[in-house]
Amino acid sequence: MKTQALLASITLALAGTAFAAGDKHDHAHEHKPLHGGVVVEVKDVDYELVAKPTVIQLHLRDHGKATDVSKATAKVTLLTGTEKQEVELKPAGDKLEATGSFKVGPGTKAVAVVTVAGKPATARFTLK
């Protein structure tokens, strides 16, 4: 009987440690906007879209660290009501960016096709 109680205690202790480690990991990789945009995760990379009437920016983070976008390409398709607008984003420092006149607002849907190091990814957003 004591052996079963001992095994149960050890199992619970180990399970608690594993749970705590998993819980800590989950909080370390939260998907919060750092630039006031909308964040989605695709293949362990966070894509944050900042869409304003005069500028569209896309920030990429891999496990919290900015991704090198100096050779990246991106095209964002904006869907606002029945209107569709395609925007090419170019590297601008640590982000991809385009300036101009954009019809964006709450409910606007955006699809970004981003290629980094020859690997394409598609991220879908709905603006708030």
C-alpha atoms as a PDB file:
ATOM      1  CA  MET A   1       0.000   0.000   0.000  1.00  0.00           C
ATOM      2  CA  LYS A   2       2.817   2.412   0.863  1.00  0.00           C
ATOM      3  CA  THR A   3       4.477   1.657  -2.483  1.00  0.00           C
ATOM      4  CA  GLN A   4       1.317   2.636  -4.371  1.00  0.00           C
ATOM      5  CA  ALA A   5       1.029   5.873  -2.402  1.00  0.00           C
ATOM      6  CA  LEU A   6       4.706   6.628  -3.058  1.00  0.00           C
ATOM      7  CA  LEU A   7       4.307   5.955  -6.793  1.00  0.00           C
ATOM      8  CA  ALA A   8       1.175   8.109  -6.908  1.00  0.00           C
ATOM      9  CA  SER A   9       3.018  10.957  -5.160  1.00  0.00           C
ATOM     10  CA  ILE A  10       5.970  10.715  -7.551  1.00  0.00           C
ATOM     11  CA  THR A  11       3.659  10.589 -10.577  1.00  0.00           C
ATOM     12  CA  LEU A  12       1.745  13.654  -9.379  1.00  0.00           C
ATOM     13  CA  ALA A  13       4.969  15.534  -8.651  1.00  0.00           C
ATOM     14  CA  LEU A  14       6.361  14.773 -12.098  1.00  0.00           C
ATOM     15  CA  ALA A  15       3.064  15.631 -13.793  1.00  0.00           C
ATOM     16  CA  GLY A  16       2.979  18.956 -11.935  1.00  0.00           C
ATOM     17  CA  THR A  17       6.524  19.738 -13.070  1.00  0.00           C
ATOM     18  CA  ALA A  18       5.716  18.860 -16.694  1.00  0.00           C
ATOM     19  CA  PHE A  19       2.530  20.932 -16.555  1.00  0.00           C
ATOM     20  CA  ALA A  20       4.335  23.914 -15.071  1.00  0.00           C
ATOM     21  CA  ALA A  21       7.059  23.728 -17.740  1.00  0.00           C
ATOM     22  CA  GLY A  22       4.453  23.501 -20.501  1.00  0.00           C
ATOM     23  CA  ASP A  23       2.469  26.348 -19.005  1.00  0.00           C
ATOM     24  CA  LYS A  24       5.585  28.522 -18.745  1.00  0.00           C
ATOM     25  CA  HIS A  25       6.396  27.827 -22.418  1.00  0.00           C
ATOM     26  CA  ASP A  26       2.907  28.792 -23.561  1.00  0.00           C
ATOM     27  CA  HIS A  27       3.090  32.165 -21.838  1.00  0.00           C
ATOM     28  CA  ALA A  28       6.571  32.840 -23.195  1.00  0.00           C
ATOM     29  CA  HIS A  29       5.212  32.596 -26.743  1.00  0.00           C
ATOM     30  CA  GLU A  30       2.158  34.816 -26.606  1.00  0.00           C
ATOM     31  CA  HIS A  31       0.916  36.414 -29.778  1.00  0.00           C
ATOM     32  CA  LYS A  32       0.433  40.013 -28.733  1.00  0.00           C
ATOM     33  CA  PRO A  33       0.747  42.946 -31.126  1.00  0.00           C
ATOM     34  CA  LEU A  34       3.885  44.996 -30.509  1.00  0.00           C
ATOM     35  CA  HIS A  35       3.123  47.668 -33.125  1.00  0.00           C
ATOM     36  CA  GLY A  36      -0.632  48.196 -32.687  1.00  0.00           C
ATOM     37  CA  GLY A  37      -1.653  45.749 -35.409  1.00  0.00           C
ATOM     38  CA  VAL A  38      -3.331  42.362 -35.703  1.00  0.00           C
ATOM     39  CA  VAL A  39      -1.263  39.208 -35.091  1.00  0.00           C
ATOM     40  CA  VAL A  40      -1.628  35.732 -36.586  1.00  0.00           C
ATOM     41  CA  GLU A  41       0.747  32.782 -36.322  1.00  0.00           C
ATOM     42  CA  VAL A  42       1.781  30.741 -39.363  1.00  0.00           C
ATOM     43  CA  LYS A  43       4.365  27.950 -39.055  1.00  0.00           C
ATOM     44  CA  ASP A  44       5.701  29.218 -35.687  1.00  0.00           C
ATOM     45  CA  VAL A  45       6.172  32.762 -37.028  1.00  0.00           C
ATOM     46  CA  ASP A  46       4.074  35.695 -35.805  1.00  0.00           C
ATOM     47  CA  TYR A  47       2.877  38.046 -38.540  1.00  0.00           C
ATOM     48  CA  GLU A  48       1.673  41.437 -37.338  1.00  0.00           C
ATOM     49  CA  LEU A  49      -0.196  43.553 -39.866  1.00  0.00           C
ATOM     50  CA  VAL A  50      -0.457  47.289 -39.212  1.00  0.00           C
ATOM     51  CA  ALA A  51      -2.922  48.748 -41.714  1.00  0.00           C
ATOM     52  CA  LYS A  52      -3.569  52.482 -41.817  1.00  0.00           C
ATOM     53  CA  PRO A  53      -5.032  54.662 -44.596  1.00  0.00           C
ATOM     54  CA  THR A  54      -1.518  55.830 -45.630  1.00  0.00           C
ATOM     55  CA  VAL A  55       0.752  52.918 -44.682  1.00  0.00           C
ATOM     56  CA  ILE A  56       0.676  49.117 -44.580  1.00  0.00           C
ATOM     57  CA  GLN A  57       3.350  47.388 -42.478  1.00  0.00           C
ATOM     58  CA  LEU A  58       4.050  43.729 -41.838  1.00  0.00           C
ATOM     59  CA  HIS A  59       6.263  42.729 -38.911  1.00  0.00           C
ATOM     60  CA  LEU A  60       7.555  39.142 -38.650  1.00  0.00           C
ATOM     61  CA  ARG A  61       8.738  37.539 -35.397  1.00  0.00           C
ATOM     62  CA  ASP A  62      10.107  34.054 -34.907  1.00  0.00           C
ATOM     63  CA  HIS A  63       9.764  33.091 -31.222  1.00  0.00           C
ATOM     64  CA  GLY A  64       9.699  36.757 -30.230  1.00  0.00           C
ATOM     65  CA  LYS A  65      12.711  37.831 -32.313  1.00  0.00           C
ATOM     66  CA  ALA A  66      12.377  40.011 -35.415  1.00  0.00           C
ATOM     67  CA  THR A  67      12.872  38.065 -38.638  1.00  0.00           C
ATOM     68  CA  ASP A  68      15.381  39.328 -41.210  1.00  0.00           C
ATOM     69  CA  VAL A  69      13.158  40.649 -44.009  1.00  0.00           C
ATOM     70  CA  SER A  70      15.902  42.405 -46.003  1.00  0.00           C
ATOM     71  CA  LYS A  71      15.436  39.965 -48.911  1.00  0.00           C
ATOM     72  CA  ALA A  72      11.785  39.103 -48.292  1.00  0.00           C
ATOM     73  CA  THR A  73       8.889  39.845 -50.613  1.00  0.00           C
ATOM     74  CA  ALA A  74       5.235  40.277 -49.754  1.00  0.00           C
ATOM     75  CA  LYS A  75       1.953  41.019 -51.428  1.00  0.00           C
ATOM     76  CA  VAL A  76      -1.100  41.950 -49.375  1.00  0.00           C
ATOM     77  CA  THR A  77      -4.602  41.753 -50.781  1.00  0.00           C
ATOM     78  CA  LEU A  78      -7.051  44.015 -48.939  1.00  0.00           C
ATOM     79  CA  LEU A  79     -10.773  43.243 -49.102  1.00  0.00           C
ATOM     80  CA  THR A  80     -13.039  46.021 -47.847  1.00  0.00           C
ATOM     81  CA  GLY A  81     -16.684  45.359 -48.660  1.00  0.00           C
ATOM     82  CA  THR A  82     -16.721  44.681 -52.415  1.00  0.00           C
ATOM     83  CA  GLU A  83     -13.439  46.525 -53.029  1.00  0.00           C
ATOM     84  CA  LYS A  84     -10.170  44.674 -53.582  1.00  0.00           C
ATOM     85  CA  GLN A  85      -6.732  46.279 -53.470  1.00  0.00           C
ATOM     86  CA  GLU A  86      -3.375  44.548 -53.987  1.00  0.00           C
ATOM     87  CA  VAL A  87      -0.296  46.049 -52.366  1.00  0.00           C
ATOM     88  CA  GLU A  88       3.370  45.116 -52.826  1.00  0.00           C
ATOM     89  CA  LEU A  89       5.379  45.479 -49.608  1.00  0.00           C
ATOM     90  CA  LYS A  90       9.114  46.180 -49.677  1.00  0.00           C
ATOM     91  CA  PRO A  91      11.727  45.755 -46.931  1.00  0.00           C
ATOM     92  CA  ALA A  92      11.997  48.847 -44.725  1.00  0.00           C
ATOM     93  CA  GLY A  93      14.333  48.245 -41.801  1.00  0.00           C
ATOM     94  CA  ASP A  94      12.980  45.371 -39.703  1.00  0.00           C
ATOM     95  CA  LYS A  95       9.584  45.263 -41.458  1.00  0.00           C
ATOM     96  CA  LEU A  96       7.898  45.106 -44.847  1.00  0.00           C
ATOM     97  CA  GLU A  97       6.079  48.279 -45.833  1.00  0.00           C
ATOM     98  CA  ALA A  98       4.114  50.154 -48.479  1.00  0.00           C
ATOM     99  CA  THR A  99       2.913  53.733 -48.445  1.00  0.00           C
ATOM    100  CA  GLY A 100       0.029  55.173 -50.412  1.00  0.00           C
ATOM    101  CA  SER A 101      -3.732  55.368 -50.088  1.00  0.00           C
ATOM    102  CA  PHE A 102      -5.463  52.299 -48.656  1.00  0.00           C
ATOM    103  CA  LYS A 103      -9.110  51.630 -47.853  1.00  0.00           C
ATOM    104  CA  VAL A 104      -8.849  49.919 -44.486  1.00  0.00           C
ATOM    105  CA  GLY A 105     -11.000  49.833 -41.388  1.00  0.00           C
ATOM    106  CA  PRO A 106     -12.727  47.498 -38.951  1.00  0.00           C
ATOM    107  CA  GLY A 107     -13.798  44.337 -40.757  1.00  0.00           C
ATOM    108  CA  THR A 108     -11.295  44.725 -43.611  1.00  0.00           C
ATOM    109  CA  LYS A 109      -9.859  41.335 -44.513  1.00  0.00           C
ATOM    110  CA  ALA A 110      -6.245  41.031 -45.608  1.00  0.00           C
ATOM    111  CA  VAL A 111      -4.332  38.124 -47.092  1.00  0.00           C
ATOM    112  CA  ALA A 112      -0.538  38.404 -47.058  1.00  0.00           C
ATOM    113  CA  VAL A 113       1.636  36.129 -49.178  1.00  0.00           C
ATOM    114  CA  VAL A 114       5.160  36.447 -47.806  1.00  0.00           C
ATOM    115  CA  THR A 115       8.334  34.816 -49.103  1.00  0.00           C
ATOM    116  CA  VAL A 116      11.330  34.697 -46.757  1.00  0.00           C
ATOM    117  CA  ALA A 117      14.462  32.759 -47.754  1.00  0.00           C
ATOM    118  CA  GLY A 118      12.576  31.198 -50.663  1.00  0.00           C
ATOM    119  CA  LYS A 119       9.820  29.850 -48.415  1.00  0.00           C
ATOM    120  CA  PRO A 120       6.319  31.214 -49.028  1.00  0.00           C
ATOM    121  CA  ALA A 121       3.687  31.558 -46.308  1.00  0.00           C
ATOM    122  CA  THR A 122       0.145  32.898 -46.336  1.00  0.00           C
ATOM    123  CA  ALA A 123      -1.279  34.842 -43.401  1.00  0.00           C
ATOM    124  CA  ARG A 124      -4.933  35.883 -43.146  1.00  0.00           C
ATOM    125  CA  PHE A 125      -6.090  38.828 -41.048  1.00  0.00           C
ATOM    126  CA  THR A 126      -9.319  40.590 -40.116  1.00  0.00           C
ATOM    127  CA  LEU A 127      -8.800  44.166 -38.969  1.00  0.00           C
ATOM    128  CA  LYS A 128     -10.405  45.340 -35.729  1.00  0.00           C
END
